[in-house]
């Protein structure tokens, strides 16, 4: 019965898909969404611009930084927020290696600001859900999977900052009794993803005949989760999750990065035709020096959310990848807006 749900970072990849799913495909959510996003390079309000016209009484956007205590307090009070879904985070490992400061500020300090505001409004806000990553658990060997009891062992500034924010959320439940839930997800892919992550970058590079850079030997393994399945999982946890509980969310699809890129190349050869001269796109794969602290393997055991809440992924990797590739082929205008920086000009014109 949430009436006013504050979503932080809702103009990012997962946030966009979550908001769209709630407003367009979730009949048991009838409330209002207040989307707060500072609009960094990966935050694109154009991805949600149509919702303001289609759902004028149910969607509100506020440009603000989660670390701005006054702005966040004003949003919580003005819109009588009764639940929070916290996506906002710096999330790209490579960027965290080059410039970790922003990750500390947003992921740790920003989360702390939200928790303090939540604590001061304990009687008004009934649920705070925090979205995290499987990277907090570190690297797995050739077997086994991360469970909710796996000890944290982050290996990059990004994963360390997310681990710290997870611990803060958990501590505010244990210390102050705040009604929180946490989810740790595996690698997401799907529509509206900023073209810097593996699948979105490789789709666009392959489509344009550009090199497909592959770290190391390409055999690092990830568990892939279609973003629509993840959005359903988050709503399920918000609606029915047990206070203080952590839920792992995975796609039960472990694949080496090299195999993923080969699948992308093959599907694009089928959907868009091969490269000039009939060259297969697999020939674009180029091995490059591995990045520092590159975890070898992730795998998520999502038994708890399946058993306790009845959620399961609907998309296989093959069907999810096909949907994703077709979306990028059908939305070249969105891609060009992102790559050209046109959306940033739109942001300046509308939000200063």
Protein backbone atom coordinates (compact mmCIF):
# COMPACT_ATOMS: atom_id res chain seq x y z
CA UNK A 1 0.00 0.00 0.00
CA UNK A 2 2.87 2.39 -0.73
CA UNK A 3 1.43 5.76 -1.75
CA UNK A 4 4.61 7.75 -2.37
CA UNK A 5 7.74 5.83 -3.34
CA UNK A 6 11.01 7.75 -3.51
CA UNK A 7 13.38 6.23 -6.08
CA UNK A 8 16.97 7.45 -5.97
CA UNK A 9 19.03 7.24 -9.16
CA UNK A 10 15.93 6.53 -11.21
CA UNK A 11 17.45 7.94 -14.41
CA UNK A 12 20.15 5.26 -14.43
CA UNK A 13 19.89 1.97 -16.26
CA UNK A 14 18.20 -0.21 -13.64
CA UNK A 15 16.19 2.67 -12.17
CA UNK A 16 14.68 3.54 -15.57
CA UNK A 17 13.57 -0.05 -16.13
CA UNK A 18 12.20 -0.32 -12.59
CA UNK A 19 10.14 2.88 -12.85
CA UNK A 20 8.78 1.91 -16.25
CA UNK A 21 7.82 -1.52 -15.03
CA UNK A 22 6.01 -0.14 -11.97
CA UNK A 23 4.00 2.43 -13.94
CA UNK A 24 3.35 0.38 -17.07
CA UNK A 25 3.22 -3.27 -15.99
CA UNK A 26 2.53 -3.53 -12.24
CA UNK A 27 -1.19 -3.29 -11.48
CA UNK A 28 -0.69 -3.82 -7.74
CA UNK A 29 1.31 -0.58 -7.54
CA UNK A 30 -1.09 2.35 -7.70
CA UNK A 31 0.99 4.98 -5.94
CA UNK A 32 3.23 7.85 -7.02
CA UNK A 33 6.94 7.71 -7.85
CA UNK A 34 9.25 10.55 -6.89
CA UNK A 35 12.46 10.08 -8.88
CA UNK A 36 15.52 11.86 -7.47
CA UNK A 37 18.66 11.85 -9.61
CA UNK A 38 21.65 14.20 -9.77
CA UNK A 39 22.06 13.36 -13.49
CA UNK A 40 25.69 12.36 -13.80
CA UNK A 41 26.98 11.17 -17.19
CA UNK A 42 24.97 7.92 -16.94
CA UNK A 43 21.70 9.48 -15.78
CA UNK A 44 19.43 10.17 -18.75
CA UNK A 45 16.04 11.77 -17.98
CA UNK A 46 15.05 11.47 -21.65
CA UNK A 47 14.64 7.75 -20.98
CA UNK A 48 11.64 8.65 -18.82
CA UNK A 49 10.49 11.92 -20.39
CA UNK A 50 7.28 10.44 -21.80
CA UNK A 51 6.13 9.33 -18.35
CA UNK A 52 5.57 12.90 -17.15
CA UNK A 53 2.93 13.34 -19.87
CA UNK A 54 1.44 9.85 -19.59
CA UNK A 55 1.34 9.70 -15.76
CA UNK A 56 1.13 13.35 -14.65
CA UNK A 57 -0.29 12.45 -11.23
CA UNK A 58 1.99 9.47 -10.61
CA UNK A 59 5.48 10.50 -11.71
CA UNK A 60 7.61 13.36 -10.41
CA UNK A 61 11.26 14.10 -11.21
CA UNK A 62 13.59 16.08 -8.95
CA UNK A 63 17.18 16.90 -9.88
CA UNK A 64 19.13 16.57 -6.63
CA UNK A 65 22.15 14.88 -5.08
CA UNK A 66 21.45 12.23 -2.45
CA UNK A 67 24.32 13.74 -0.46
CA UNK A 68 22.46 17.07 -0.22
CA UNK A 69 20.72 16.68 3.11
CA UNK A 70 18.48 19.74 2.75
CA UNK A 71 17.30 18.83 -0.75
CA UNK A 72 16.57 15.23 0.21
CA UNK A 73 14.74 16.26 3.39
CA UNK A 74 12.61 18.65 1.35
CA UNK A 75 11.70 15.90 -1.13
CA UNK A 76 10.81 13.41 1.60
CA UNK A 77 8.55 15.90 3.36
CA UNK A 78 6.97 17.66 0.38
CA UNK A 79 5.82 14.39 -1.17
CA UNK A 80 5.03 12.57 2.09
CA UNK A 81 7.30 9.69 1.14
CA UNK A 82 6.41 6.39 2.81
CA UNK A 83 8.97 4.10 1.10
CA UNK A 84 12.42 4.46 -0.45
CA UNK A 85 14.06 2.39 -3.19
CA UNK A 86 17.75 3.30 -3.27
CA UNK A 87 19.49 2.74 -6.62
CA UNK A 88 21.70 5.84 -6.75
CA UNK A 89 25.35 4.83 -7.01
CA UNK A 90 28.53 5.22 -8.97
CA UNK A 91 28.82 1.76 -10.50
CA UNK A 92 31.55 1.34 -13.12
CA UNK A 93 34.60 -0.60 -11.89
CA UNK A 94 37.03 0.92 -14.39
CA UNK A 95 36.02 4.46 -13.38
CA UNK A 96 36.42 3.57 -9.69
CA UNK A 97 40.00 2.51 -10.32
CA UNK A 98 40.84 5.85 -11.95
CA UNK A 99 38.82 8.10 -9.64
CA UNK A 100 37.56 6.44 -6.45
CA UNK A 101 36.59 9.71 -4.71
CA UNK A 102 33.16 9.96 -6.37
CA UNK A 103 32.38 6.38 -5.35
CA UNK A 104 33.14 7.07 -1.70
CA UNK A 105 31.07 10.25 -1.72
CA UNK A 106 27.98 8.89 -3.47
CA UNK A 107 27.90 5.27 -2.41
CA UNK A 108 28.91 5.67 1.23
CA UNK A 109 28.26 9.28 2.28
CA UNK A 110 25.11 9.58 0.17
CA UNK A 111 23.66 6.39 1.64
CA UNK A 112 24.46 7.61 5.13
CA UNK A 113 22.61 10.87 4.49
CA UNK A 114 19.52 8.96 3.36
CA UNK A 115 19.62 6.66 6.38
CA UNK A 116 19.86 9.58 8.80
CA UNK A 117 16.89 11.29 7.15
CA UNK A 118 15.02 7.98 7.31
CA UNK A 119 15.83 7.61 10.99
CA UNK A 120 14.40 11.07 11.69
CA UNK A 121 11.17 10.08 9.88
CA UNK A 122 10.85 6.57 11.23
CA UNK A 123 7.09 6.87 11.79
CA UNK A 124 6.44 8.05 8.23
CA UNK A 125 8.69 5.82 6.10
CA UNK A 126 7.72 2.16 6.26
CA UNK A 127 10.41 0.57 4.08
CA UNK A 128 13.91 1.39 2.81
CA UNK A 129 15.21 -0.96 0.13
CA UNK A 130 18.88 -0.82 -0.81
CA UNK A 131 20.12 -2.23 -4.12
CA UNK A 132 23.65 -3.65 -4.11
CA UNK A 133 25.85 -5.96 -6.17
CA UNK A 134 27.41 -9.41 -6.06
CA UNK A 135 30.83 -7.77 -6.41
CA UNK A 136 30.90 -7.11 -2.65
CA UNK A 137 31.59 -10.84 -2.17
CA UNK A 138 34.86 -10.79 -4.15
CA UNK A 139 35.87 -13.60 -6.47
CA UNK A 140 34.79 -17.24 -6.59
CA UNK A 141 36.81 -20.30 -7.55
CA UNK A 142 35.64 -22.68 -10.27
CA UNK A 143 32.69 -23.94 -8.19
CA UNK A 144 30.18 -22.72 -5.64
CA UNK A 145 27.97 -19.62 -5.54
CA UNK A 146 27.47 -16.54 -3.39
CA UNK A 147 24.74 -16.87 -0.77
CA UNK A 148 23.36 -14.26 1.58
CA UNK A 149 25.80 -15.56 4.22
CA UNK A 150 28.96 -15.30 2.08
CA UNK A 151 31.57 -13.07 3.79
CA UNK A 152 32.30 -9.78 2.05
CA UNK A 153 35.67 -9.50 0.28
CA UNK A 154 35.52 -6.57 -2.19
CA UNK A 155 38.43 -6.14 -4.60
CA UNK A 156 37.83 -2.76 -6.26
CA UNK A 157 37.05 0.74 -4.96
CA UNK A 158 33.57 0.35 -6.44
CA UNK A 159 32.78 -2.93 -4.69
CA UNK A 160 34.35 -1.69 -1.44
CA UNK A 161 32.13 1.39 -1.47
CA UNK A 162 29.04 -0.75 -2.08
CA UNK A 163 30.07 -3.14 0.68
CA UNK A 164 30.36 -0.19 3.07
CA UNK A 165 26.89 1.05 2.13
CA UNK A 166 25.44 -2.44 2.64
CA UNK A 167 26.94 -2.58 6.12
CA UNK A 168 25.51 0.86 6.97
CA UNK A 169 22.01 -0.18 5.92
CA UNK A 170 22.25 -3.41 7.91
CA UNK A 171 23.62 -1.55 10.94
CA UNK A 172 20.76 0.95 10.92
CA UNK A 173 18.34 -1.96 11.11
CA UNK A 174 20.24 -3.67 13.92
CA UNK A 175 20.90 -0.48 15.89
CA UNK A 176 17.79 1.63 15.30
CA UNK A 177 15.27 -0.97 14.19
CA UNK A 178 14.69 0.67 10.82
CA UNK A 179 12.63 -1.45 8.38
CA UNK A 180 15.21 -2.09 5.68
CA UNK A 181 15.79 -4.74 3.04
CA UNK A 182 18.87 -5.30 0.87
CA UNK A 183 19.36 -7.06 -2.44
CA UNK A 184 22.62 -8.12 -4.06
CA UNK A 185 22.25 -8.72 -7.76
CA UNK A 186 24.37 -10.25 -10.50
CA UNK A 187 25.35 -8.45 -13.74
CA UNK A 188 22.37 -6.74 -15.37
CA UNK A 189 21.79 -6.23 -19.07
CA UNK A 190 18.91 -4.93 -21.16
CA UNK A 191 17.40 -1.74 -22.63
CA UNK A 192 18.55 1.77 -21.69
CA UNK A 193 22.02 0.71 -20.47
CA UNK A 194 24.70 3.37 -20.89
CA UNK A 195 27.14 2.01 -23.50
CA UNK A 196 30.11 1.43 -21.23
CA UNK A 197 29.18 -1.95 -19.68
CA UNK A 198 30.12 -5.19 -21.43
CA UNK A 199 26.93 -6.14 -23.26
CA UNK A 200 25.72 -2.67 -24.28
CA UNK A 201 29.22 -1.63 -25.41
CA UNK A 202 29.81 -4.81 -27.37
CA UNK A 203 26.43 -4.61 -29.11
CA UNK A 204 27.10 -1.11 -30.40
CA UNK A 205 30.75 -1.75 -31.28
CA UNK A 206 29.84 -4.93 -33.13
CA UNK A 207 27.01 -3.23 -34.97
CA UNK A 208 29.42 -0.53 -36.22
CA UNK A 209 32.32 -2.84 -37.01
CA UNK A 210 34.52 -1.51 -34.19
CA UNK A 211 36.95 -3.65 -32.13
CA UNK A 212 35.43 -5.74 -29.33
CA UNK A 213 38.00 -5.35 -26.51
CA UNK A 214 38.28 -8.42 -24.28
CA UNK A 215 40.14 -8.19 -20.94
CA UNK A 216 42.78 -10.85 -20.31
CA UNK A 217 41.89 -14.26 -21.70
CA UNK A 218 38.16 -13.52 -21.76
CA UNK A 219 37.36 -16.39 -19.42
CA UNK A 220 36.16 -14.32 -16.45
CA UNK A 221 32.72 -15.69 -15.58
CA UNK A 222 29.64 -13.63 -14.72
CA UNK A 223 26.07 -14.51 -13.81
CA UNK A 224 23.76 -12.52 -16.13
CA UNK A 225 20.37 -11.12 -15.10
CA UNK A 226 17.91 -9.49 -17.50
CA UNK A 227 17.02 -6.06 -16.11
CA UNK A 228 13.27 -6.65 -16.40
CA UNK A 229 13.59 -9.72 -14.18
CA UNK A 230 15.61 -7.67 -11.72
CA UNK A 231 12.96 -4.93 -11.65
CA UNK A 232 10.30 -7.52 -10.79
CA UNK A 233 12.51 -8.88 -8.02
CA UNK A 234 12.97 -5.45 -6.48
CA UNK A 235 9.24 -4.80 -6.44
CA UNK A 236 8.65 -8.24 -4.94
CA UNK A 237 11.11 -7.49 -2.12
CA UNK A 238 9.63 -4.02 -1.52
CA UNK A 239 6.13 -5.43 -1.36
CA UNK A 240 6.70 -8.70 0.51
CA UNK A 241 10.29 -8.92 1.73
CA UNK A 242 11.01 -9.51 5.42
CA UNK A 243 12.42 -6.51 7.29
CA UNK A 244 16.14 -6.78 7.94
CA UNK A 245 16.55 -9.50 5.33
CA UNK A 246 19.00 -9.67 2.42
CA UNK A 247 18.02 -11.30 -0.87
CA UNK A 248 20.36 -12.40 -3.64
CA UNK A 249 18.96 -11.86 -7.14
CA UNK A 250 20.54 -13.75 -10.04
CA UNK A 251 19.74 -15.00 -13.49
CA UNK A 252 21.15 -18.50 -13.01
CA UNK A 253 23.20 -17.93 -16.17
CA UNK A 254 26.96 -18.28 -15.73
CA UNK A 255 28.95 -17.50 -18.85
CA UNK A 256 32.54 -16.49 -19.65
CA UNK A 257 32.79 -12.99 -21.08
CA UNK A 258 34.27 -14.36 -24.30
CA UNK A 259 31.24 -16.59 -24.89
CA UNK A 260 28.88 -13.66 -24.26
CA UNK A 261 30.66 -11.52 -26.84
CA UNK A 262 30.65 -14.34 -29.37
CA UNK A 263 26.89 -14.72 -28.88
CA UNK A 264 26.41 -10.99 -29.45
CA UNK A 265 28.50 -11.14 -32.63
CA UNK A 266 26.59 -14.13 -33.96
CA UNK A 267 23.14 -12.68 -33.22
CA UNK A 268 24.06 -9.37 -34.89
CA UNK A 269 25.31 -11.24 -37.96
CA UNK A 270 21.85 -12.79 -38.15
CA UNK A 271 19.81 -9.67 -37.37
CA UNK A 272 21.85 -6.99 -39.15
CA UNK A 273 23.84 -9.06 -41.65
CA UNK A 274 27.61 -9.70 -41.59
CA UNK A 275 30.27 -7.01 -42.00
CA UNK A 276 31.34 -5.79 -45.45
CA UNK A 277 32.92 -8.59 -47.42
CA UNK A 278 30.90 -11.14 -45.48
CA UNK A 279 33.26 -11.02 -42.46
CA UNK A 280 31.77 -12.46 -39.26
CA UNK A 281 31.75 -10.09 -36.30
CA UNK A 282 33.67 -12.59 -34.18
CA UNK A 283 36.76 -11.35 -36.04
CA UNK A 284 36.37 -8.01 -34.21
CA UNK A 285 37.26 -9.57 -30.84
CA UNK A 286 40.53 -8.04 -29.63
CA UNK A 287 42.29 -9.19 -26.45
CA UNK A 288 43.65 -6.38 -24.25
CA UNK A 289 45.58 -6.16 -20.98
CA UNK A 290 43.52 -7.31 -18.00
CA UNK A 291 42.33 -4.66 -15.56
CA UNK A 292 43.64 -4.53 -11.96
CA UNK A 293 41.69 -6.56 -9.39
CA UNK A 294 39.57 -8.28 -12.02
CA UNK A 295 37.48 -10.89 -10.17
CA UNK A 296 37.60 -14.25 -11.92
CA UNK A 297 34.11 -15.55 -11.34
CA UNK A 298 30.77 -14.51 -9.84
CA UNK A 299 27.75 -16.74 -9.34
CA UNK A 300 24.60 -15.97 -7.36
CA UNK A 301 22.54 -18.49 -5.41
CA UNK A 302 19.05 -16.94 -5.49
CA UNK A 303 17.29 -19.78 -3.69
CA UNK A 304 16.04 -17.56 -0.85
CA UNK A 305 14.04 -15.14 -3.00
CA UNK A 306 12.71 -18.03 -5.06
CA UNK A 307 11.66 -20.07 -2.04
CA UNK A 308 10.41 -17.30 0.26
CA UNK A 309 8.93 -14.77 -2.18
CA UNK A 310 8.17 -16.86 -5.25
CA UNK A 311 10.26 -14.80 -7.68
CA UNK A 312 12.07 -16.47 -10.59
CA UNK A 313 13.72 -15.05 -13.71
CA UNK A 314 11.50 -15.27 -16.76
CA UNK A 315 14.14 -14.65 -19.40
CA UNK A 316 16.83 -17.11 -20.40
CA UNK A 317 20.07 -15.50 -21.49
CA UNK A 318 19.30 -16.31 -25.14
CA UNK A 319 15.87 -14.66 -25.03
CA UNK A 320 17.03 -11.72 -22.92
CA UNK A 321 20.01 -11.06 -25.17
CA UNK A 322 17.82 -11.20 -28.27
CA UNK A 323 15.40 -8.70 -26.74
CA UNK A 324 18.29 -6.44 -25.76
CA UNK A 325 19.94 -6.46 -29.19
CA UNK A 326 16.62 -5.79 -30.91
CA UNK A 327 15.97 -2.88 -28.55
CA UNK A 328 19.30 -1.24 -29.45
CA UNK A 329 18.64 -1.82 -33.15
CA UNK A 330 15.19 -0.22 -32.81
CA UNK A 331 16.33 2.75 -30.67
CA UNK A 332 19.27 4.23 -32.54
CA UNK A 333 18.01 7.73 -31.75
CA UNK A 334 18.43 7.03 -28.01
CA UNK A 335 21.93 5.68 -28.65
CA UNK A 336 22.91 8.78 -30.63
CA UNK A 337 21.52 11.08 -27.94
CA UNK A 338 23.67 9.34 -25.33
CA UNK A 339 26.83 9.20 -27.43
CA UNK A 340 26.59 12.77 -28.73
CA UNK A 341 25.83 14.27 -25.35
CA UNK A 342 22.56 15.67 -26.72
CA UNK A 343 20.74 14.52 -23.61
CA UNK A 344 23.16 16.57 -21.49
CA UNK A 345 22.17 19.69 -23.43
CA UNK A 346 18.54 18.79 -22.76
CA UNK A 347 19.36 18.49 -19.06
CA UNK A 348 20.98 21.94 -19.03
CA UNK A 349 17.99 23.48 -20.78
CA UNK A 350 15.42 21.91 -18.46
CA UNK A 351 17.22 21.72 -15.12
CA UNK A 352 20.08 24.25 -15.30
